[in-house]
Amino acid sequence: HEQLLKMMEGRMMDVEQKLRLVKRLLQDKVNQLKEQLSKNTKADAMVKDLYVENAQLLKALEMTEQRQKTAERKNYLLEEKIANLNRIVKNLASPSFN
């Protein structure tokens, strides 16, 4: 019986040692996952900030493009007016030479 008892005690010690090792490994994994969660949370916040900033930049770009189109339209109209004024000046100047 004593020999069986010692053998069982040895097995118990092995099992306890293996359990401690598994517990340590699991704790390491938990710590690693906590760290990864923290990094992911920070990355998620950065992505959200970039999304908002991108939306703001797109809006600013749309407004700038609209202003450019308006300026181009005004420029075209001014060029037409200049061409018409040049035609009028030419027509006014032509009869005076005749």
PDB file of N, CA and C in Angstrom:
ATOM      1  N   HIS A   1       0.811  -1.203   0.000  1.00  0.00           N
ATOM      2  CA  HIS A   1       0.000   0.000   0.000  1.00  0.00           C
ATOM      3  C   HIS A   1       0.854   1.268   0.000  1.00  0.00           C
ATOM      4  N   GLU A   2       1.920   1.239   0.769  1.00  0.00           N
ATOM      5  CA  GLU A   2       2.772   2.438   0.834  1.00  0.00           C
ATOM      6  C   GLU A   2       3.395   2.740  -0.518  1.00  0.00           C
ATOM      7  N   GLN A   3       3.812   1.680  -1.198  1.00  0.00           N
ATOM      8  CA  GLN A   3       4.407   1.875  -2.513  1.00  0.00           C
ATOM      9  C   GLN A   3       3.374   2.478  -3.481  1.00  0.00           C
ATOM     10  N   LEU A   4       2.152   1.971  -3.431  1.00  0.00           N
ATOM     11  CA  LEU A   4       1.070   2.492  -4.268  1.00  0.00           C
ATOM     12  C   LEU A   4       0.769   3.939  -3.894  1.00  0.00           C
ATOM     13  N   LEU A   5       0.792   4.218  -2.604  1.00  0.00           N
ATOM     14  CA  LEU A   5       0.545   5.570  -2.119  1.00  0.00           C
ATOM     15  C   LEU A   5       1.631   6.523  -2.616  1.00  0.00           C
ATOM     16  N   LYS A   6       2.898   6.113  -2.565  1.00  0.00           N
ATOM     17  CA  LYS A   6       3.994   6.950  -3.043  1.00  0.00           C
ATOM     18  C   LYS A   6       3.880   7.176  -4.547  1.00  0.00           C
ATOM     19  N   MET A   7       3.498   6.121  -5.254  1.00  0.00           N
ATOM     20  CA  MET A   7       3.329   6.243  -6.696  1.00  0.00           C
ATOM     21  C   MET A   7       2.207   7.239  -7.006  1.00  0.00           C
ATOM     22  N   MET A   8       1.139   7.158  -6.276  1.00  0.00           N
ATOM     23  CA  MET A   8       0.013   8.078  -6.471  1.00  0.00           C
ATOM     24  C   MET A   8       0.421   9.510  -6.109  1.00  0.00           C
ATOM     25  N   GLU A   9       1.202   9.664  -5.042  1.00  0.00           N
ATOM     26  CA  GLU A   9       1.686  10.986  -4.658  1.00  0.00           C
ATOM     27  C   GLU A   9       2.578  11.562  -5.762  1.00  0.00           C
ATOM     28  N   GLY A  10       3.419  10.727  -6.352  1.00  0.00           N
ATOM     29  CA  GLY A  10       4.284  11.160  -7.457  1.00  0.00           C
ATOM     30  C   GLY A  10       3.458  11.614  -8.652  1.00  0.00           C
ATOM     31  N   ARG A  11       2.449  10.831  -8.969  1.00  0.00           N
ATOM     32  CA  ARG A  11       1.561  11.211 -10.079  1.00  0.00           C
ATOM     33  C   ARG A  11       0.849  12.530  -9.785  1.00  0.00           C
ATOM     34  N   MET A  12       0.403  12.661  -8.524  1.00  0.00           N
ATOM     35  CA  MET A  12      -0.285  13.894  -8.122  1.00  0.00           C
ATOM     36  C   MET A  12       0.640  15.099  -8.269  1.00  0.00           C
ATOM     37  N   MET A  13       1.893  14.923  -7.875  1.00  0.00           N
ATOM     38  CA  MET A  13       2.841  16.024  -7.977  1.00  0.00           C
ATOM     39  C   MET A  13       3.084  16.378  -9.455  1.00  0.00           C
ATOM     40  N   ASP A  14       3.193  15.356 -10.299  1.00  0.00           N
ATOM     41  CA  ASP A  14       3.355  15.603 -11.727  1.00  0.00           C
ATOM     42  C   ASP A  14       2.153  16.353 -12.286  1.00  0.00           C
ATOM     43  N   VAL A  15       0.965  15.894 -11.896  1.00  0.00           N
ATOM     44  CA  VAL A  15      -0.253  16.545 -12.378  1.00  0.00           C
ATOM     45  C   VAL A  15      -0.311  17.984 -11.880  1.00  0.00           C
ATOM     46  N   GLU A  16       0.029  18.213 -10.612  1.00  0.00           N
ATOM     47  CA  GLU A  16       0.028  19.574 -10.069  1.00  0.00           C
ATOM     48  C   GLU A  16       1.040  20.459 -10.802  1.00  0.00           C
ATOM     49  N   GLN A  17       2.219  19.908 -11.087  1.00  0.00           N
ATOM     50  CA  GLN A  17       3.240  20.663 -11.798  1.00  0.00           C
ATOM     51  C   GLN A  17       2.754  21.003 -13.208  1.00  0.00           C
ATOM     52  N   LYS A  18       2.139  20.035 -13.874  1.00  0.00           N
ATOM     53  CA  LYS A  18       1.616  20.275 -15.216  1.00  0.00           C
ATOM     54  C   LYS A  18       0.488  21.307 -15.181  1.00  0.00           C
ATOM     55  N   LEU A  19      -0.342  21.243 -14.150  1.00  0.00           N
ATOM     56  CA  LEU A  19      -1.420  22.223 -14.005  1.00  0.00           C
ATOM     57  C   LEU A  19      -0.866  23.626 -13.793  1.00  0.00           C
ATOM     58  N   ARG A  20       0.179  23.745 -12.977  1.00  0.00           N
ATOM     59  CA  ARG A  20       0.803  25.066 -12.773  1.00  0.00           C
ATOM     60  C   ARG A  20       1.371  25.604 -14.082  1.00  0.00           C
ATOM     61  N   LEU A  21       2.006  24.700 -14.849  1.00  0.00           N
ATOM     62  CA  LEU A  21       2.557  25.103 -16.135  1.00  0.00           C
ATOM     63  C   LEU A  21       1.444  25.565 -17.087  1.00  0.00           C
ATOM     64  N   VAL A  22       0.360  24.815 -17.132  1.00  0.00           N
ATOM     65  CA  VAL A  22      -0.768  25.178 -17.989  1.00  0.00           C
ATOM     66  C   VAL A  22      -1.371  26.503 -17.525  1.00  0.00           C
ATOM     67  N   LYS A  23      -1.478  26.668 -16.198  1.00  0.00           N
ATOM     68  CA  LYS A  23      -2.017  27.915 -15.658  1.00  0.00           C
ATOM     69  C   LYS A  23      -1.131  29.096 -16.048  1.00  0.00           C
ATOM     70  N   ARG A  24       0.191  28.926 -15.966  1.00  0.00           N
ATOM     71  CA  ARG A  24       1.122  29.980 -16.356  1.00  0.00           C
ATOM     72  C   ARG A  24       0.981  30.299 -17.853  1.00  0.00           C
ATOM     73  N   LEU A  25       0.886  29.254 -18.671  1.00  0.00           N
ATOM     74  CA  LEU A  25       0.722  29.456 -20.116  1.00  0.00           C
ATOM     75  C   LEU A  25      -0.586  30.176 -20.428  1.00  0.00           C
ATOM     76  N   LEU A  26      -1.638  29.783 -19.738  1.00  0.00           N
ATOM     77  CA  LEU A  26      -2.925  30.442 -19.957  1.00  0.00           C
ATOM     78  C   LEU A  26      -2.890  31.902 -19.523  1.00  0.00           C
ATOM     79  N   GLN A  27      -2.217  32.177 -18.409  1.00  0.00           N
ATOM     80  CA  GLN A  27      -2.095  33.557 -17.945  1.00  0.00           C
ATOM     81  C   GLN A  27      -1.302  34.392 -18.947  1.00  0.00           C
ATOM     82  N   ASP A  28      -0.231  33.812 -19.488  1.00  0.00           N
ATOM     83  CA  ASP A  28       0.541  34.512 -20.517  1.00  0.00           C
ATOM     84  C   ASP A  28      -0.339  34.826 -21.727  1.00  0.00           C
ATOM     85  N   LYS A  29      -1.141  33.855 -22.115  1.00  0.00           N
ATOM     86  CA  LYS A  29      -2.028  34.053 -23.263  1.00  0.00           C
ATOM     87  C   LYS A  29      -3.066  35.134 -22.954  1.00  0.00           C
ATOM     88  N   VAL A  30      -3.614  35.130 -21.749  1.00  0.00           N
ATOM     89  CA  VAL A  30      -4.584  36.152 -21.345  1.00  0.00           C
ATOM     90  C   VAL A  30      -3.933  37.537 -21.411  1.00  0.00           C
ATOM     91  N   ASN A  31      -2.713  37.646 -20.902  1.00  0.00           N
ATOM     92  CA  ASN A  31      -2.003  38.931 -20.942  1.00  0.00           C
ATOM     93  C   ASN A  31      -1.759  39.374 -22.391  1.00  0.00           C
ATOM     94  N   GLN A  32      -1.368  38.432 -23.226  1.00  0.00           N
ATOM     95  CA  GLN A  32      -1.136  38.738 -24.636  1.00  0.00           C
ATOM     96  C   GLN A  32      -2.424  39.213 -25.301  1.00  0.00           C
ATOM     97  N   LEU A  33      -3.534  38.546 -25.012  1.00  0.00           N
ATOM     98  CA  LEU A  33      -4.811  38.932 -25.612  1.00  0.00           C
ATOM     99  C   LEU A  33      -5.294  40.288 -25.092  1.00  0.00           C
ATOM    100  N   LYS A  34      -5.050  40.572 -23.810  1.00  0.00           N
ATOM    101  CA  LYS A  34      -5.398  41.880 -23.265  1.00  0.00           C
ATOM    102  C   LYS A  34      -4.613  42.981 -23.965  1.00  0.00           C
ATOM    103  N   GLU A  35      -3.328  42.736 -24.178  1.00  0.00           N
ATOM    104  CA  GLU A  35      -2.491  43.709 -24.868  1.00  0.00           C
ATOM    105  C   GLU A  35      -2.976  43.913 -26.308  1.00  0.00           C
ATOM    106  N   GLN A  36      -3.321  42.819 -26.971  1.00  0.00           N
ATOM    107  CA  GLN A  36      -3.820  42.926 -28.343  1.00  0.00           C
ATOM    108  C   GLN A  36      -5.144  43.676 -28.385  1.00  0.00           C
ATOM    109  N   LEU A  37      -6.009  43.437 -27.405  1.00  0.00           N
ATOM    110  CA  LEU A  37      -7.280  44.148 -27.328  1.00  0.00           C
ATOM    111  C   LEU A  37      -7.047  45.648 -27.159  1.00  0.00           C
ATOM    112  N   SER A  38      -6.078  45.995 -26.316  1.00  0.00           N
ATOM    113  CA  SER A  38      -5.756  47.406 -26.113  1.00  0.00           C
ATOM    114  C   SER A  38      -5.270  48.039 -27.421  1.00  0.00           C
ATOM    115  N   LYS A  39      -4.385  47.340 -28.132  1.00  0.00           N
ATOM    116  CA  LYS A  39      -3.891  47.854 -29.417  1.00  0.00           C
ATOM    117  C   LYS A  39      -5.033  47.982 -30.419  1.00  0.00           C
ATOM    118  N   ASN A  40      -5.913  46.988 -30.455  1.00  0.00           N
ATOM    119  CA  ASN A  40      -7.038  47.028 -31.383  1.00  0.00           C
ATOM    120  C   ASN A  40      -7.989  48.175 -31.068  1.00  0.00           C
ATOM    121  N   THR A  41      -8.194  48.440 -29.793  1.00  0.00           N
ATOM    122  CA  THR A  41      -9.065  49.542 -29.380  1.00  0.00           C
ATOM    123  C   THR A  41      -8.482  50.878 -29.841  1.00  0.00           C
ATOM    124  N   LYS A  42      -7.156  51.040 -29.658  1.00  0.00           N
ATOM    125  CA  LYS A  42      -6.499  52.270 -30.110  1.00  0.00           C
ATOM    126  C   LYS A  42      -6.591  52.395 -31.631  1.00  0.00           C
ATOM    127  N   ALA A  43      -6.351  51.291 -32.330  1.00  0.00           N
ATOM    128  CA  ALA A  43      -6.413  51.311 -33.795  1.00  0.00           C
ATOM    129  C   ALA A  43      -7.824  51.638 -34.262  1.00  0.00           C
ATOM    130  N   ASP A  44      -8.820  51.095 -33.575  1.00  0.00           N
ATOM    131  CA  ASP A  44     -10.216  51.368 -33.934  1.00  0.00           C
ATOM    132  C   ASP A  44     -10.537  52.852 -33.770  1.00  0.00           C
ATOM    133  N   ALA A  45     -10.054  53.440 -32.689  1.00  0.00           N
ATOM    134  CA  ALA A  45     -10.280  54.873 -32.464  1.00  0.00           C
ATOM    135  C   ALA A  45      -9.601  55.698 -33.555  1.00  0.00           C
ATOM    136  N   MET A  46      -8.394  55.284 -33.951  1.00  0.00           N
ATOM    137  CA  MET A  46      -7.686  56.006 -35.014  1.00  0.00           C
ATOM    138  C   MET A  46      -8.433  55.890 -36.341  1.00  0.00           C
ATOM    139  N   VAL A  47      -8.967  54.705 -36.616  1.00  0.00           N
ATOM    140  CA  VAL A  47      -9.722  54.511 -37.861  1.00  0.00           C
ATOM    141  C   VAL A  47     -10.959  55.396 -37.865  1.00  0.00           C
ATOM    142  N   LYS A  48     -11.647  55.474 -36.736  1.00  0.00           N
ATOM    143  CA  LYS A  48     -12.829  56.335 -36.645  1.00  0.00           C
ATOM    144  C   LYS A  48     -12.446  57.799 -36.857  1.00  0.00           C
ATOM    145  N   ASP A  49     -11.342  58.233 -36.243  1.00  0.00           N
ATOM    146  CA  ASP A  49     -10.880  59.615 -36.425  1.00  0.00           C
ATOM    147  C   ASP A  49     -10.548  59.889 -37.887  1.00  0.00           C
ATOM    148  N   LEU A  50      -9.866  58.932 -38.520  1.00  0.00           N
ATOM    149  CA  LEU A  50      -9.510  59.096 -39.934  1.00  0.00           C
ATOM    150  C   LEU A  50     -10.754  59.124 -40.814  1.00  0.00           C
ATOM    151  N   TYR A  51     -11.751  58.338 -40.453  1.00  0.00           N
ATOM    152  CA  TYR A  51     -13.001  58.319 -41.212  1.00  0.00           C
ATOM    153  C   TYR A  51     -13.672  59.691 -41.157  1.00  0.00           C
ATOM    154  N   VAL A  52     -13.708  60.276 -39.968  1.00  0.00           N
ATOM    155  CA  VAL A  52     -14.315  61.603 -39.800  1.00  0.00           C
ATOM    156  C   VAL A  52     -13.509  62.649 -40.558  1.00  0.00           C
ATOM    157  N   GLU A  53     -12.178  62.578 -40.419  1.00  0.00           N
ATOM    158  CA  GLU A  53     -11.318  63.541 -41.113  1.00  0.00           C
ATOM    159  C   GLU A  53     -11.478  63.406 -42.627  1.00  0.00           C
ATOM    160  N   ASN A  54     -11.573  62.176 -43.111  1.00  0.00           N
ATOM    161  CA  ASN A  54     -11.751  61.941 -44.542  1.00  0.00           C
ATOM    162  C   ASN A  54     -13.069  62.543 -45.023  1.00  0.00           C
ATOM    163  N   ALA A  55     -14.123  62.382 -44.241  1.00  0.00           N
ATOM    164  CA  ALA A  55     -15.426  62.949 -44.613  1.00  0.00           C
ATOM    165  C   ALA A  55     -15.333  64.477 -44.686  1.00  0.00           C
ATOM    166  N   GLN A  56     -14.634  65.075 -43.739  1.00  0.00           N
ATOM    167  CA  GLN A  56     -14.464  66.526 -43.735  1.00  0.00           C
ATOM    168  C   GLN A  56     -13.658  66.983 -44.953  1.00  0.00           C
ATOM    169  N   LEU A  57     -12.610  66.238 -45.279  1.00  0.00           N
ATOM    170  CA  LEU A  57     -11.791  66.595 -46.442  1.00  0.00           C
ATOM    171  C   LEU A  57     -12.575  66.443 -47.741  1.00  0.00           C
ATOM    172  N   LEU A  58     -13.406  65.415 -47.827  1.00  0.00           N
ATOM    173  CA  LEU A  58     -14.231  65.237 -49.019  1.00  0.00           C
ATOM    174  C   LEU A  58     -15.207  66.395 -49.185  1.00  0.00           C
ATOM    175  N   LYS A  59     -15.787  66.837 -48.082  1.00  0.00           N
ATOM    176  CA  LYS A  59     -16.710  67.969 -48.126  1.00  0.00           C
ATOM    177  C   LYS A  59     -15.981  69.237 -48.574  1.00  0.00           C
ATOM    178  N   ALA A  60     -14.782  69.448 -48.022  1.00  0.00           N
ATOM    179  CA  ALA A  60     -13.991  70.614 -48.408  1.00  0.00           C
ATOM    180  C   ALA A  60     -13.614  70.538 -49.890  1.00  0.00           C
ATOM    181  N   LEU A  61     -13.284  69.344 -50.362  1.00  0.00           N
ATOM    182  CA  LEU A  61     -12.945  69.169 -51.777  1.00  0.00           C
ATOM    183  C   LEU A  61     -14.149  69.467 -52.668  1.00  0.00           C
ATOM    184  N   GLU A  62     -15.318  68.993 -52.269  1.00  0.00           N
ATOM    185  CA  GLU A  62     -16.537  69.269 -53.038  1.00  0.00           C
ATOM    186  C   GLU A  62     -16.798  70.778 -53.116  1.00  0.00           C
ATOM    187  N   MET A  63     -16.634  71.456 -51.988  1.00  0.00           N
ATOM    188  CA  MET A  63     -16.854  72.902 -51.970  1.00  0.00           C
ATOM    189  C   MET A  63     -15.837  73.611 -52.863  1.00  0.00           C
ATOM    190  N   THR A  64     -14.584  73.170 -52.816  1.00  0.00           N
ATOM    191  CA  THR A  64     -13.537  73.773 -53.635  1.00  0.00           C
ATOM    192  C   THR A  64     -13.818  73.544 -55.115  1.00  0.00           C
ATOM    193  N   GLU A  65     -14.243  72.333 -55.459  1.00  0.00           N
ATOM    194  CA  GLU A  65     -14.578  72.044 -56.855  1.00  0.00           C
ATOM    195  C   GLU A  65     -15.752  72.893 -57.322  1.00  0.00           C
ATOM    196  N   GLN A  66     -16.733  73.086 -56.449  1.00  0.00           N
ATOM    197  CA  GLN A  66     -17.883  73.919 -56.798  1.00  0.00           C
ATOM    198  C   GLN A  66     -17.451  75.366 -57.023  1.00  0.00           C
ATOM    199  N   ARG A  67     -16.564  75.864 -56.162  1.00  0.00           N
ATOM    200  CA  ARG A  67     -16.051  77.232 -56.335  1.00  0.00           C
ATOM    201  C   ARG A  67     -15.271  77.354 -57.640  1.00  0.00           C
ATOM    202  N   GLN A  68     -14.503  76.318 -57.960  1.00  0.00           N
ATOM    203  CA  GLN A  68     -13.736  76.354 -59.204  1.00  0.00           C
ATOM    204  C   GLN A  68     -14.673  76.389 -60.408  1.00  0.00           C
ATOM    205  N   LYS A  69     -15.733  75.587 -60.387  1.00  0.00           N
ATOM    206  CA  LYS A  69     -16.700  75.599 -61.497  1.00  0.00           C
ATOM    207  C   LYS A  69     -17.356  76.970 -61.627  1.00  0.00           C
ATOM    208  N   THR A  70     -17.707  77.559 -60.495  1.00  0.00           N
ATOM    209  CA  THR A  70     -18.318  78.894 -60.510  1.00  0.00           C
ATOM    210  C   THR A  70     -17.331  79.917 -61.083  1.00  0.00           C
ATOM    211  N   ALA A  71     -16.080  79.848 -60.663  1.00  0.00           N
ATOM    212  CA  ALA A  71     -15.069  80.780 -61.164  1.00  0.00           C
ATOM    213  C   ALA A  71     -14.860  80.577 -62.665  1.00  0.00           C
ATOM    214  N   GLU A  72     -14.863  79.319 -63.116  1.00  0.00           N
ATOM    215  CA  GLU A  72     -14.698  79.048 -64.548  1.00  0.00           C
ATOM    216  C   GLU A  72     -15.873  79.607 -65.350  1.00  0.00           C
ATOM    217  N   ARG A  73     -17.083  79.463 -64.807  1.00  0.00           N
ATOM    218  CA  ARG A  73     -18.261  80.025 -65.483  1.00  0.00           C
ATOM    219  C   ARG A  73     -18.161  81.542 -65.571  1.00  0.00           C
ATOM    220  N   LYS A  74     -17.784  82.173 -64.462  1.00  0.00           N
ATOM    221  CA  LYS A  74     -17.642  83.637 -64.457  1.00  0.00           C
ATOM    222  C   LYS A  74     -16.541  84.065 -65.426  1.00  0.00           C
ATOM    223  N   ASN A  75     -15.460  83.338 -65.456  1.00  0.00           N
ATOM    224  CA  ASN A  75     -14.357  83.645 -66.365  1.00  0.00           C
ATOM    225  C   ASN A  75     -14.827  83.552 -67.819  1.00  0.00           C
ATOM    226  N   TYR A  76     -15.583  82.502 -68.130  1.00  0.00           N
ATOM    227  CA  TYR A  76     -16.111  82.333 -69.490  1.00  0.00           C
ATOM    228  C   TYR A  76     -17.011  83.507 -69.874  1.00  0.00           C
ATOM    229  N   LEU A  77     -17.891  83.893 -68.944  1.00  0.00           N
ATOM    230  CA  LEU A  77     -18.786  85.025 -69.219  1.00  0.00           C
ATOM    231  C   LEU A  77     -18.003  86.319 -69.419  1.00  0.00           C
ATOM    232  N   LEU A  78     -16.959  86.522 -68.606  1.00  0.00           N
ATOM    233  CA  LEU A  78     -16.137  87.723 -68.760  1.00  0.00           C
ATOM    234  C   LEU A  78     -15.408  87.703 -70.104  1.00  0.00           C
ATOM    235  N   GLU A  79     -14.924  86.547 -70.505  1.00  0.00           N
ATOM    236  CA  GLU A  79     -14.251  86.451 -71.802  1.00  0.00           C
ATOM    237  C   GLU A  79     -15.228  86.762 -72.937  1.00  0.00           C
ATOM    238  N   GLU A  80     -16.471  86.292 -72.799  1.00  0.00           N
ATOM    239  CA  GLU A  80     -17.482  86.622 -73.814  1.00  0.00           C
ATOM    240  C   GLU A  80     -17.750  88.122 -73.849  1.00  0.00           C
ATOM    241  N   LYS A  81     -17.852  88.729 -72.665  1.00  0.00           N
ATOM    242  CA  LYS A  81     -18.089  90.174 -72.607  1.00  0.00           C
ATOM    243  C   LYS A  81     -16.926  90.939 -73.232  1.00  0.00           C
ATOM    244  N   ILE A  82     -15.688  90.498 -72.950  1.00  0.00           N
ATOM    245  CA  ILE A  82     -14.513  91.150 -73.530  1.00  0.00           C
ATOM    246  C   ILE A  82     -14.541  91.026 -75.050  1.00  0.00           C
ATOM    247  N   ALA A  83     -14.882  89.822 -75.548  1.00  0.00           N
ATOM    248  CA  ALA A  83     -14.954  89.624 -77.004  1.00  0.00           C
ATOM    249  C   ALA A  83     -16.024  90.530 -77.598  1.00  0.00           C
ATOM    250  N   ASN A  84     -17.175  90.636 -76.939  1.00  0.00           N
ATOM    251  CA  ASN A  84     -18.245  91.517 -77.430  1.00  0.00           C
ATOM    252  C   ASN A  84     -17.811  92.981 -77.394  1.00  0.00           C
ATOM    253  N   LEU A  85     -17.155  93.390 -76.323  1.00  0.00           N
ATOM    254  CA  LEU A  85     -16.678  94.776 -76.226  1.00  0.00           C
ATOM    255  C   LEU A  85     -15.634  95.051 -77.311  1.00  0.00           C
ATOM    256  N   ASN A  86     -14.766  94.104 -77.562  1.00  0.00           N
ATOM    257  CA  ASN A  86     -13.767  94.279 -78.628  1.00  0.00           C
ATOM    258  C   ASN A  86     -14.448  94.421 -79.981  1.00  0.00           C
ATOM    259  N   ARG A  87     -15.502  93.639 -80.207  1.00  0.00           N
ATOM    260  CA  ARG A  87     -16.255  93.725 -81.458  1.00  0.00           C
ATOM    261  C   ARG A  87     -16.907  95.113 -81.581  1.00  0.00           C
ATOM    262  N   ILE A  88     -17.497  95.583 -80.480  1.00  0.00           N
ATOM    263  CA  ILE A  88     -18.148  96.901 -80.484  1.00  0.00           C
ATOM    264  C   ILE A  88     -17.124  97.989 -80.761  1.00  0.00           C
ATOM    265  N   VAL A  89     -15.969  97.910 -80.069  1.00  0.00           N
ATOM    266  CA  VAL A  89     -14.919  98.913 -80.275  1.00  0.00           C
ATOM    267  C   VAL A  89     -14.435  98.865 -81.710  1.00  0.00           C
ATOM    268  N   LYS A  90     -14.282  97.687 -82.249  1.00  0.00           N
ATOM    269  CA  LYS A  90     -13.836  97.539 -83.648  1.00  0.00           C
ATOM    270  C   LYS A  90     -14.855  98.138 -84.592  1.00  0.00           C
ATOM    271  N   ASN A  91     -16.165  97.854 -84.334  1.00  0.00           N
ATOM    272  CA  ASN A  91     -17.221  98.408 -85.182  1.00  0.00           C
ATOM    273  C   ASN A  91     -17.296  99.919 -85.067  1.00  0.00           C
ATOM    274  N   LEU A  92     -17.079 100.450 -83.869  1.00  0.00           N
ATOM    275  CA  LEU A  92     -17.104 101.900 -83.688  1.00  0.00           C
ATOM    276  C   LEU A  92     -15.919 102.562 -84.350  1.00  0.00           C
ATOM    277  N   ALA A  93     -14.795 101.914 -84.299  1.00  0.00           N
ATOM    278  CA  ALA A  93     -13.559 102.480 -84.869  1.00  0.00           C
ATOM    279  C   ALA A  93     -13.578 102.377 -86.387  1.00  0.00           C
ATOM    280  N   SER A  94     -14.167 101.352 -86.941  1.00  0.00           N
ATOM    281  CA  SER A  94     -14.158 101.141 -88.398  1.00  0.00           C
ATOM    282  C   SER A  94     -14.853 102.267 -89.143  1.00  0.00           C
ATOM    283  N   PRO A  95     -16.062 102.715 -88.801  1.00  0.00           N
ATOM    284  CA  PRO A  95     -16.717 103.794 -89.571  1.00  0.00           C
ATOM    285  C   PRO A  95     -15.939 105.107 -89.477  1.00  0.00           C
ATOM    286  N   SER A  96     -15.231 105.342 -88.394  1.00  0.00           N
ATOM    287  CA  SER A  96     -14.534 106.614 -88.275  1.00  0.00           C
ATOM    288  C   SER A  96     -13.353 106.694 -89.238  1.00  0.00           C
ATOM    289  N   PHE A  97     -12.820 105.560 -89.650  1.00  0.00           N
ATOM    290  CA  PHE A  97     -11.730 105.568 -90.617  1.00  0.00           C
ATOM    291  C   PHE A  97     -12.266 105.716 -92.035  1.00  0.00           C
ATOM    292  N   ASN A  98     -13.509 105.380 -92.247  1.00  0.00           N
ATOM    293  CA  ASN A  98     -14.094 105.478 -93.597  1.00  0.00           C
ATOM    294  C   ASN A  98     -14.460 106.887 -93.828  1.00  0.00           C
TER     295      ASN A  98
END
